[in-house]
């Protein structure tokens, strides 16, 4: 009437599959962490180079040669003024 089956058709049969799935998940998470670190490093590196490309008064004052230093200040004077925050230079309105 009742029989006992001795087969490996349960969870025990898929032990290797679960191990492989866990390894794939760990590899995926590791890859995501590495990609995140690379993206942050590239962003920091690019931001640093953008700042080095623009001249500022302390940058110009650090130039050793007098002619080059004056050229740096001239370049700085020719740069357009940065746009102020929204509404900072709003014209005054007079109502009569």
N, C-alpha and C. Protein backbone atom coordinates (compact mmCIF):
# COMPACT_ATOMS: atom_id res chain seq x y z
N UNK A 1 0.81 -1.16 0.00
CA UNK A 1 0.00 0.00 0.00
C UNK A 1 0.88 1.26 0.00
N UNK A 2 1.68 1.47 0.99
CA UNK A 2 2.62 2.59 1.02
C UNK A 2 4.01 2.05 0.72
N UNK A 3 4.71 2.79 -0.11
CA UNK A 3 6.07 2.37 -0.41
C UNK A 3 7.02 3.53 -0.10
N UNK A 4 8.20 3.21 0.24
CA UNK A 4 9.22 4.19 0.53
C UNK A 4 10.11 4.29 -0.70
N UNK A 5 10.27 5.50 -1.15
CA UNK A 5 11.10 5.70 -2.34
C UNK A 5 12.47 6.21 -1.92
N UNK A 6 13.44 5.61 -2.47
CA UNK A 6 14.82 6.02 -2.22
C UNK A 6 15.37 6.66 -3.50
N UNK A 7 15.06 7.89 -3.69
CA UNK A 7 15.56 8.57 -4.88
C UNK A 7 16.15 9.92 -4.48
N UNK A 8 16.92 10.48 -5.34
CA UNK A 8 17.53 11.77 -5.09
C UNK A 8 16.78 12.87 -5.83
N UNK A 9 15.48 12.79 -5.86
CA UNK A 9 14.71 13.77 -6.62
C UNK A 9 14.15 14.87 -5.74
N UNK A 10 14.80 15.23 -4.69
CA UNK A 10 14.33 16.30 -3.84
C UNK A 10 15.31 17.44 -3.85
N UNK A 11 15.37 18.14 -2.74
CA UNK A 11 16.30 19.27 -2.64
C UNK A 11 17.75 18.81 -2.63
N UNK A 12 17.98 17.60 -2.16
CA UNK A 12 19.34 17.10 -2.09
C UNK A 12 19.94 16.92 -3.48
N UNK A 13 19.11 16.65 -4.47
CA UNK A 13 19.62 16.44 -5.83
C UNK A 13 20.09 17.74 -6.46
N UNK A 14 19.61 18.89 -5.96
CA UNK A 14 19.97 20.18 -6.55
C UNK A 14 20.99 20.94 -5.71
N UNK A 15 21.76 20.27 -4.91
CA UNK A 15 22.77 20.91 -4.09
C UNK A 15 23.81 21.63 -4.91
N UNK A 16 24.27 21.02 -5.99
CA UNK A 16 25.24 21.66 -6.87
C UNK A 16 24.64 22.88 -7.55
N UNK A 17 23.40 22.78 -7.96
CA UNK A 17 22.73 23.89 -8.64
C UNK A 17 22.62 25.09 -7.72
N UNK A 18 22.28 24.88 -6.46
CA UNK A 18 22.16 25.98 -5.51
C UNK A 18 23.53 26.60 -5.25
N UNK A 19 24.55 25.80 -5.19
CA UNK A 19 25.90 26.32 -4.99
C UNK A 19 26.31 27.18 -6.19
N UNK A 20 26.03 26.72 -7.38
CA UNK A 20 26.36 27.46 -8.58
C UNK A 20 25.58 28.76 -8.64
N UNK A 21 24.32 28.76 -8.26
CA UNK A 21 23.50 29.96 -8.27
C UNK A 21 24.05 30.98 -7.26
N UNK A 22 24.47 30.50 -6.10
CA UNK A 22 25.06 31.39 -5.10
C UNK A 22 26.37 31.98 -5.60
N UNK A 23 27.16 31.20 -6.30
CA UNK A 23 28.42 31.70 -6.84
C UNK A 23 28.16 32.75 -7.94
N UNK A 24 27.15 32.53 -8.75
CA UNK A 24 26.82 33.50 -9.80
C UNK A 24 26.35 34.81 -9.18
N UNK A 25 25.55 34.72 -8.13
CA UNK A 25 25.07 35.91 -7.45
C UNK A 25 26.24 36.67 -6.81
N UNK A 26 27.16 35.95 -6.19
CA UNK A 26 28.33 36.59 -5.58
C UNK A 26 29.20 37.25 -6.65
N UNK A 27 29.36 36.59 -7.80
CA UNK A 27 30.15 37.17 -8.88
C UNK A 27 29.47 38.43 -9.43
N UNK A 28 28.16 38.39 -9.56
CA UNK A 28 27.42 39.55 -10.05
C UNK A 28 27.55 40.72 -9.08
N UNK A 29 27.39 40.47 -7.80
CA UNK A 29 27.52 41.54 -6.80
C UNK A 29 28.94 42.08 -6.76
N UNK A 30 29.92 41.20 -6.87
CA UNK A 30 31.31 41.64 -6.91
C UNK A 30 31.60 42.51 -8.12
N UNK A 31 31.05 42.13 -9.25
CA UNK A 31 31.22 42.91 -10.48
C UNK A 31 30.58 44.28 -10.33
N UNK A 32 29.40 44.34 -9.74
CA UNK A 32 28.74 45.63 -9.53
C UNK A 32 29.54 46.54 -8.60
N UNK A 33 30.14 45.97 -7.57
CA UNK A 33 30.96 46.76 -6.66
C UNK A 33 32.20 47.30 -7.39
N UNK A 34 32.84 46.46 -8.18
CA UNK A 34 34.03 46.89 -8.92
C UNK A 34 33.67 47.99 -9.93
N UNK A 35 32.56 47.82 -10.64
CA UNK A 35 32.13 48.84 -11.61
C UNK A 35 31.82 50.15 -10.88
N UNK A 36 31.19 50.08 -9.72
CA UNK A 36 30.90 51.29 -8.94
C UNK A 36 32.16 52.01 -8.51
N UNK A 37 33.16 51.27 -8.08
CA UNK A 37 34.43 51.88 -7.68
C UNK A 37 35.11 52.53 -8.88
N UNK A 38 35.08 51.86 -10.03
CA UNK A 38 35.70 52.42 -11.23
C UNK A 38 35.00 53.70 -11.66
N UNK A 39 33.66 53.71 -11.64
CA UNK A 39 32.92 54.91 -12.03
C UNK A 39 33.24 56.06 -11.09
N UNK A 40 33.30 55.80 -9.79
CA UNK A 40 33.65 56.86 -8.83
C UNK A 40 35.07 57.38 -9.07
N UNK A 41 36.00 56.49 -9.33
CA UNK A 41 37.38 56.91 -9.56
C UNK A 41 37.49 57.77 -10.82
N UNK A 42 36.80 57.37 -11.88
CA UNK A 42 36.84 58.15 -13.12
C UNK A 42 36.20 59.52 -12.90
N UNK A 43 35.12 59.57 -12.14
CA UNK A 43 34.45 60.84 -11.87
C UNK A 43 35.36 61.78 -11.09
N UNK A 44 36.01 61.26 -10.06
CA UNK A 44 36.93 62.08 -9.26
C UNK A 44 38.10 62.55 -10.11
N UNK A 45 38.64 61.65 -10.92
CA UNK A 45 39.77 61.98 -11.78
C UNK A 45 39.39 63.06 -12.78
N UNK A 46 38.23 62.92 -13.42
CA UNK A 46 37.78 63.91 -14.41
C UNK A 46 37.50 65.25 -13.75
N UNK A 47 36.90 65.24 -12.57
CA UNK A 47 36.60 66.49 -11.86
C UNK A 47 37.89 67.23 -11.51
N UNK A 48 38.89 66.52 -11.10
CA UNK A 48 40.17 67.13 -10.78
C UNK A 48 40.83 67.76 -11.99
N UNK A 49 40.71 67.11 -13.15
CA UNK A 49 41.30 67.67 -14.36
C UNK A 49 40.52 68.86 -14.87
N UNK A 50 39.22 68.89 -14.67
CA UNK A 50 38.44 70.05 -15.08
C UNK A 50 38.83 71.27 -14.26
N UNK A 51 39.07 71.07 -13.00
CA UNK A 51 39.46 72.20 -12.15
C UNK A 51 40.86 72.70 -12.47
N UNK A 52 41.75 71.79 -12.89
CA UNK A 52 43.10 72.21 -13.23
C UNK A 52 43.13 73.01 -14.51
N UNK A 53 42.18 72.79 -15.39
CA UNK A 53 42.14 73.49 -16.67
C UNK A 53 41.72 74.94 -16.53
N UNK A 54 41.01 75.30 -15.50
CA UNK A 54 40.55 76.68 -15.34
C UNK A 54 41.55 77.46 -14.50
N UNK A 55 41.75 78.70 -14.89
CA UNK A 55 42.69 79.55 -14.16
C UNK A 55 41.96 80.28 -13.03
N UNK A 56 42.61 80.34 -11.90
CA UNK A 56 42.12 81.12 -10.77
C UNK A 56 43.28 81.95 -10.26
N UNK A 57 42.97 82.93 -9.43
CA UNK A 57 44.02 83.81 -8.91
C UNK A 57 45.11 83.03 -8.17
N UNK A 58 44.78 82.07 -7.30
CA UNK A 58 45.87 81.32 -6.65
C UNK A 58 46.69 80.51 -7.64
N UNK A 59 46.06 80.03 -8.71
CA UNK A 59 46.81 79.29 -9.72
C UNK A 59 47.80 80.21 -10.42
N UNK A 60 47.33 81.41 -10.76
CA UNK A 60 48.20 82.37 -11.45
C UNK A 60 49.34 82.83 -10.54
N UNK A 61 49.06 83.02 -9.27
CA UNK A 61 50.11 83.49 -8.36
C UNK A 61 51.19 82.44 -8.13
N UNK A 62 50.88 81.18 -8.42
CA UNK A 62 51.85 80.11 -8.23
C UNK A 62 52.81 79.98 -9.41
N UNK A 63 52.53 80.66 -10.52
CA UNK A 63 53.39 80.60 -11.70
C UNK A 63 54.68 81.35 -11.39
N UNK A 64 55.81 80.73 -11.70
CA UNK A 64 57.11 81.30 -11.34
C UNK A 64 57.58 82.42 -12.24
N UNK A 65 57.48 82.25 -13.54
CA UNK A 65 57.96 83.25 -14.49
C UNK A 65 57.02 84.44 -14.53
N UNK A 66 57.60 85.66 -14.53
CA UNK A 66 56.78 86.87 -14.48
C UNK A 66 55.91 87.01 -15.72
N UNK A 67 56.46 86.74 -16.89
CA UNK A 67 55.71 86.87 -18.14
C UNK A 67 54.55 85.87 -18.17
N UNK A 68 54.84 84.64 -17.77
CA UNK A 68 53.79 83.61 -17.76
C UNK A 68 52.72 83.93 -16.72
N UNK A 69 53.14 84.46 -15.58
CA UNK A 69 52.18 84.81 -14.53
C UNK A 69 51.25 85.93 -15.01
N UNK A 70 51.81 86.95 -15.66
CA UNK A 70 50.98 88.03 -16.20
C UNK A 70 50.05 87.53 -17.30
N UNK A 71 50.52 86.59 -18.11
CA UNK A 71 49.67 86.01 -19.15
C UNK A 71 48.52 85.23 -18.53
N UNK A 72 48.81 84.57 -17.42
CA UNK A 72 47.75 83.83 -16.71
C UNK A 72 46.69 84.80 -16.17
N UNK A 73 47.14 85.91 -15.60
CA UNK A 73 46.19 86.91 -15.10
C UNK A 73 45.38 87.54 -16.24
N UNK A 74 46.03 87.76 -17.38
CA UNK A 74 45.32 88.30 -18.54
C UNK A 74 44.25 87.31 -19.02
N UNK A 75 44.60 86.04 -19.06
CA UNK A 75 43.64 85.02 -19.46
C UNK A 75 42.48 84.97 -18.46
N UNK A 76 42.78 85.10 -17.20
CA UNK A 76 41.75 85.10 -16.16
C UNK A 76 40.82 86.31 -16.32
N UNK A 77 41.37 87.47 -16.68
CA UNK A 77 40.56 88.67 -16.83
C UNK A 77 39.64 88.57 -18.04
N UNK A 78 40.04 87.81 -19.07
CA UNK A 78 39.22 87.68 -20.27
C UNK A 78 38.10 86.64 -20.13
N UNK A 79 38.13 85.84 -19.09
CA UNK A 79 37.08 84.82 -18.92
C UNK A 79 35.76 85.51 -18.59
N UNK A 80 34.65 84.97 -19.13
CA UNK A 80 33.35 85.57 -18.82
C UNK A 80 33.00 85.39 -17.35
N UNK A 81 32.24 86.33 -16.86
CA UNK A 81 31.81 86.28 -15.46
C UNK A 81 30.83 85.12 -15.30
N UNK A 82 30.95 84.31 -14.26
CA UNK A 82 30.00 83.22 -14.08
C UNK A 82 28.59 83.75 -13.87
N UNK A 83 27.64 83.02 -14.39
CA UNK A 83 26.24 83.43 -14.29
C UNK A 83 25.79 83.29 -12.84
N UNK A 84 25.18 84.33 -12.27
CA UNK A 84 24.76 84.25 -10.86
C UNK A 84 23.53 83.35 -10.71
N UNK A 85 23.18 83.12 -9.48
CA UNK A 85 22.00 82.30 -9.20
C UNK A 85 20.76 82.96 -9.77
N UNK A 86 19.75 82.19 -9.98
CA UNK A 86 18.51 82.68 -10.60
C UNK A 86 17.95 83.86 -9.80
N UNK A 87 17.78 84.98 -10.48
CA UNK A 87 17.19 86.15 -9.84
C UNK A 87 18.17 87.02 -9.11
N UNK A 88 19.46 86.72 -9.11
CA UNK A 88 20.41 87.50 -8.34
C UNK A 88 20.62 88.89 -8.95
N UNK A 89 20.57 88.99 -10.26
CA UNK A 89 20.75 90.27 -10.94
C UNK A 89 19.46 90.74 -11.59
N UNK A 90 18.36 90.50 -10.93
CA UNK A 90 17.07 90.91 -11.48
C UNK A 90 16.98 92.43 -11.48
N UNK A 91 16.45 93.01 -12.55
CA UNK A 91 16.33 94.48 -12.59
C UNK A 91 15.27 94.96 -11.59
N UNK A 92 15.49 96.16 -11.08
CA UNK A 92 14.54 96.72 -10.14
C UNK A 92 13.32 97.22 -10.92
N UNK A 93 12.15 96.92 -10.44
CA UNK A 93 10.92 97.34 -11.08
C UNK A 93 10.29 98.44 -10.25
N UNK A 94 10.00 99.54 -10.89
CA UNK A 94 9.36 100.67 -10.21
C UNK A 94 7.94 100.81 -10.72
N UNK A 95 7.01 100.86 -9.81
CA UNK A 95 5.59 101.04 -10.16
C UNK A 95 5.17 102.43 -9.72
N UNK A 96 4.61 103.20 -10.64
CA UNK A 96 4.16 104.55 -10.33
C UNK A 96 2.67 104.57 -10.22
